[in-house]
Amino acid sequence: MAAPAPNGDPLVAPMDGWFLHGKFFFSSGGDSIRIKGLRKRPRASIAFFVSEKLLINAHGPAVLMFRGHPDVGKIDETFKDHYGSSAFDWSDEGVYVRLDADRFFTYSRTPKEFPV
């Protein structure tokens, strides 16, 4: 996942996330450097490995969903079911980020395995 630092520098680091209902989600603490950067410049990019043979890159607006956000319920439930906890359990400033991708690119070393 790539997001801007508060000063605009790019930050790239692995994140555990979900692809749910056509959107990418991940979570963090609201005081993290990545979230501070997204507050100023709310765009991000992700590399999502569907399998060893297929990669999706997605780029677009990042929506910060703090406790009380109207769309946070389903992703919070998904994280609780899978991890046994919620981003809101980790800190008072826990946050989910939804990537509303406006650009997608794919890559495969074996493209014939993924016909159009």
C-alpha atoms as a PDB file:
ATOM      1  CA  MET A   1       0.000   0.000   0.000  1.00  0.00           C
ATOM      2  CA  ALA A   2       1.278   3.464  -0.853  1.00  0.00           C
ATOM      3  CA  ALA A   3       0.057   6.670   0.738  1.00  0.00           C
ATOM      4  CA  PRO A   4       1.497  10.136   1.227  1.00  0.00           C
ATOM      5  CA  ALA A   5       3.307  11.225   4.366  1.00  0.00           C
ATOM      6  CA  PRO A   6       2.099  14.541   5.802  1.00  0.00           C
ATOM      7  CA  ASN A   7       4.895  16.292   3.875  1.00  0.00           C
ATOM      8  CA  GLY A   8       3.836  14.594   0.619  1.00  0.00           C
ATOM      9  CA  ASP A   9       6.625  12.007   0.429  1.00  0.00           C
ATOM     10  CA  PRO A  10       5.412   8.587  -0.744  1.00  0.00           C
ATOM     11  CA  LEU A  11       5.257   5.847   1.877  1.00  0.00           C
ATOM     12  CA  VAL A  12       5.059   2.216   0.795  1.00  0.00           C
ATOM     13  CA  ALA A  13       4.573  -0.675   3.199  1.00  0.00           C
ATOM     14  CA  PRO A  14       2.678  -3.946   3.341  1.00  0.00           C
ATOM     15  CA  MET A  15      -0.789  -3.815   4.870  1.00  0.00           C
ATOM     16  CA  ASP A  16      -3.254  -6.552   5.628  1.00  0.00           C
ATOM     17  CA  GLY A  17      -6.457  -5.696   3.870  1.00  0.00           C
ATOM     18  CA  TRP A  18      -9.652  -6.941   2.326  1.00  0.00           C
ATOM     19  CA  PHE A  19     -11.363  -6.731  -1.049  1.00  0.00           C
ATOM     20  CA  LEU A  20     -15.045  -6.616  -0.165  1.00  0.00           C
ATOM     21  CA  HIS A  21     -17.974  -5.660  -2.406  1.00  0.00           C
ATOM     22  CA  GLY A  22     -15.676  -4.139  -5.024  1.00  0.00           C
ATOM     23  CA  LYS A  23     -13.694  -1.982  -2.577  1.00  0.00           C
ATOM     24  CA  PHE A  24     -10.333  -2.375  -0.874  1.00  0.00           C
ATOM     25  CA  PHE A  25     -10.158  -1.896   2.908  1.00  0.00           C
ATOM     26  CA  PHE A  26      -7.400  -1.799   5.495  1.00  0.00           C
ATOM     27  CA  SER A  27      -7.092  -0.495   9.039  1.00  0.00           C
ATOM     28  CA  SER A  28      -4.652   1.505  11.107  1.00  0.00           C
ATOM     29  CA  GLY A  29      -4.344   3.744  14.124  1.00  0.00           C
ATOM     30  CA  GLY A  30      -5.578   7.269  13.501  1.00  0.00           C
ATOM     31  CA  ASP A  31      -2.304   8.699  14.800  1.00  0.00           C
ATOM     32  CA  SER A  32      -0.133   6.716  12.348  1.00  0.00           C
ATOM     33  CA  ILE A  33       2.010   8.650   9.894  1.00  0.00           C
ATOM     34  CA  ARG A  34       0.151   7.063   6.981  1.00  0.00           C
ATOM     35  CA  ILE A  35      -3.257   8.219   8.259  1.00  0.00           C
ATOM     36  CA  LYS A  36      -1.904  11.694   8.996  1.00  0.00           C
ATOM     37  CA  GLY A  37      -0.795  11.866   5.371  1.00  0.00           C
ATOM     38  CA  LEU A  38      -4.136  10.624   4.075  1.00  0.00           C
ATOM     39  CA  ARG A  39      -5.926  13.323   6.081  1.00  0.00           C
ATOM     40  CA  LYS A  40      -4.027  15.927   4.020  1.00  0.00           C
ATOM     41  CA  ARG A  41      -3.908  14.106   0.684  1.00  0.00           C
ATOM     42  CA  PRO A  42      -6.595  11.416   0.583  1.00  0.00           C
ATOM     43  CA  ARG A  43      -5.333   9.264  -2.291  1.00  0.00           C
ATOM     44  CA  ALA A  44      -3.621   5.904  -2.117  1.00  0.00           C
ATOM     45  CA  SER A  45      -2.419   3.015  -4.242  1.00  0.00           C
ATOM     46  CA  ILE A  46      -2.420  -0.690  -3.494  1.00  0.00           C
ATOM     47  CA  ALA A  47      -0.920  -3.823  -4.966  1.00  0.00           C
ATOM     48  CA  PHE A  48      -3.306  -6.716  -4.336  1.00  0.00           C
ATOM     49  CA  PHE A  49      -2.032 -10.214  -5.004  1.00  0.00           C
ATOM     50  CA  VAL A  50      -5.032 -12.306  -6.020  1.00  0.00           C
ATOM     51  CA  SER A  51      -2.750 -15.314  -6.410  1.00  0.00           C
ATOM     52  CA  GLU A  52       0.886 -16.046  -7.219  1.00  0.00           C
ATOM     53  CA  LYS A  53      -0.019 -15.437 -10.838  1.00  0.00           C
ATOM     54  CA  LEU A  54      -2.279 -12.378 -10.738  1.00  0.00           C
ATOM     55  CA  LEU A  55      -1.698  -8.885  -9.363  1.00  0.00           C
ATOM     56  CA  ILE A  56      -4.157  -5.989  -9.281  1.00  0.00           C
ATOM     57  CA  ASN A  57      -2.924  -2.427  -8.812  1.00  0.00           C
ATOM     58  CA  ALA A  58      -5.591   0.073  -7.794  1.00  0.00           C
ATOM     59  CA  HIS A  59      -5.311   3.829  -7.323  1.00  0.00           C
ATOM     60  CA  GLY A  60      -7.812   6.395  -6.085  1.00  0.00           C
ATOM     61  CA  PRO A  61      -9.411   8.355  -3.281  1.00  0.00           C
ATOM     62  CA  ALA A  62      -8.993   7.014   0.242  1.00  0.00           C
ATOM     63  CA  VAL A  63     -11.953   7.425   2.576  1.00  0.00           C
ATOM     64  CA  LEU A  64     -11.118   7.459   6.302  1.00  0.00           C
ATOM     65  CA  MET A  65     -13.843   5.711   8.282  1.00  0.00           C
ATOM     66  CA  PHE A  66     -13.605   6.428  11.986  1.00  0.00           C
ATOM     67  CA  ARG A  67     -16.046   5.096  14.592  1.00  0.00           C
ATOM     68  CA  GLY A  68     -19.544   6.299  13.697  1.00  0.00           C
ATOM     69  CA  HIS A  69     -18.924   6.543   9.932  1.00  0.00           C
ATOM     70  CA  PRO A  70     -22.139   5.379   8.205  1.00  0.00           C
ATOM     71  CA  ASP A  71     -20.319   2.769   6.057  1.00  0.00           C
ATOM     72  CA  VAL A  72     -18.064   1.229   8.714  1.00  0.00           C
ATOM     73  CA  GLY A  73     -20.396  -1.507   9.988  1.00  0.00           C
ATOM     74  CA  LYS A  74     -19.771  -4.284   7.449  1.00  0.00           C
ATOM     75  CA  ILE A  75     -15.974  -3.940   7.347  1.00  0.00           C
ATOM     76  CA  ASP A  76     -15.772  -3.708  11.146  1.00  0.00           C
ATOM     77  CA  GLU A  77     -17.832  -6.904  11.380  1.00  0.00           C
ATOM     78  CA  THR A  78     -15.564  -8.619   8.824  1.00  0.00           C
ATOM     79  CA  PHE A  79     -12.405  -7.671  10.728  1.00  0.00           C
ATOM     80  CA  LYS A  80     -13.913  -8.826  14.046  1.00  0.00           C
ATOM     81  CA  ASP A  81     -14.960 -12.164  12.536  1.00  0.00           C
ATOM     82  CA  HIS A  82     -11.535 -12.793  11.018  1.00  0.00           C
ATOM     83  CA  TYR A  83      -9.119 -11.250  13.551  1.00  0.00           C
ATOM     84  CA  GLY A  84     -11.192 -11.440  16.708  1.00  0.00           C
ATOM     85  CA  SER A  85     -10.914  -7.680  17.180  1.00  0.00           C
ATOM     86  CA  SER A  86     -11.782  -4.384  15.599  1.00  0.00           C
ATOM     87  CA  ALA A  87      -9.637  -1.417  14.589  1.00  0.00           C
ATOM     88  CA  PHE A  88     -11.592   0.418  17.265  1.00  0.00           C
ATOM     89  CA  ASP A  89     -10.301  -2.003  19.908  1.00  0.00           C
ATOM     90  CA  TRP A  90      -6.657  -1.097  19.191  1.00  0.00           C
ATOM     91  CA  SER A  91      -6.862   2.582  20.020  1.00  0.00           C
ATOM     92  CA  ASP A  92      -9.332   5.410  20.529  1.00  0.00           C
ATOM     93  CA  GLU A  93      -8.353   6.618  17.068  1.00  0.00           C
ATOM     94  CA  GLY A  94      -8.707   3.325  15.201  1.00  0.00           C
ATOM     95  CA  VAL A  95      -9.686   3.826  11.571  1.00  0.00           C
ATOM     96  CA  TYR A  96     -10.630   1.813   8.518  1.00  0.00           C
ATOM     97  CA  VAL A  97      -9.579   3.093   5.131  1.00  0.00           C
ATOM     98  CA  ARG A  98     -11.648   2.377   2.035  1.00  0.00           C
ATOM     99  CA  LEU A  99      -9.936   2.793  -1.311  1.00  0.00           C
ATOM    100  CA  ASP A 100     -12.493   4.007  -3.854  1.00  0.00           C
ATOM    101  CA  ALA A 101     -10.264   3.101  -6.781  1.00  0.00           C
ATOM    102  CA  ASP A 102     -10.711   5.045  -9.989  1.00  0.00           C
ATOM    103  CA  ARG A 103      -7.897   3.245 -11.862  1.00  0.00           C
ATOM    104  CA  PHE A 104      -7.072  -0.461 -12.013  1.00  0.00           C
ATOM    105  CA  PHE A 105      -4.194  -2.245 -13.698  1.00  0.00           C
ATOM    106  CA  THR A 106      -3.502  -5.964 -13.777  1.00  0.00           C
ATOM    107  CA  TYR A 107      -0.381  -8.003 -14.321  1.00  0.00           C
ATOM    108  CA  SER A 108       0.230 -11.681 -14.791  1.00  0.00           C
ATOM    109  CA  ARG A 109       3.304 -13.648 -15.749  1.00  0.00           C
ATOM    110  CA  THR A 110       0.897 -16.138 -17.313  1.00  0.00           C
ATOM    111  CA  PRO A 111      -1.808 -13.993 -19.004  1.00  0.00           C
ATOM    112  CA  LYS A 112      -3.160 -16.884 -21.073  1.00  0.00           C
ATOM    113  CA  GLU A 113      -4.463 -18.381 -17.807  1.00  0.00           C
ATOM    114  CA  PHE A 114      -6.775 -15.341 -17.433  1.00  0.00           C
ATOM    115  CA  PRO A 115      -8.710 -14.988 -20.691  1.00  0.00           C
ATOM    116  CA  VAL A 116     -10.757 -11.850 -21.200  1.00  0.00           C
END
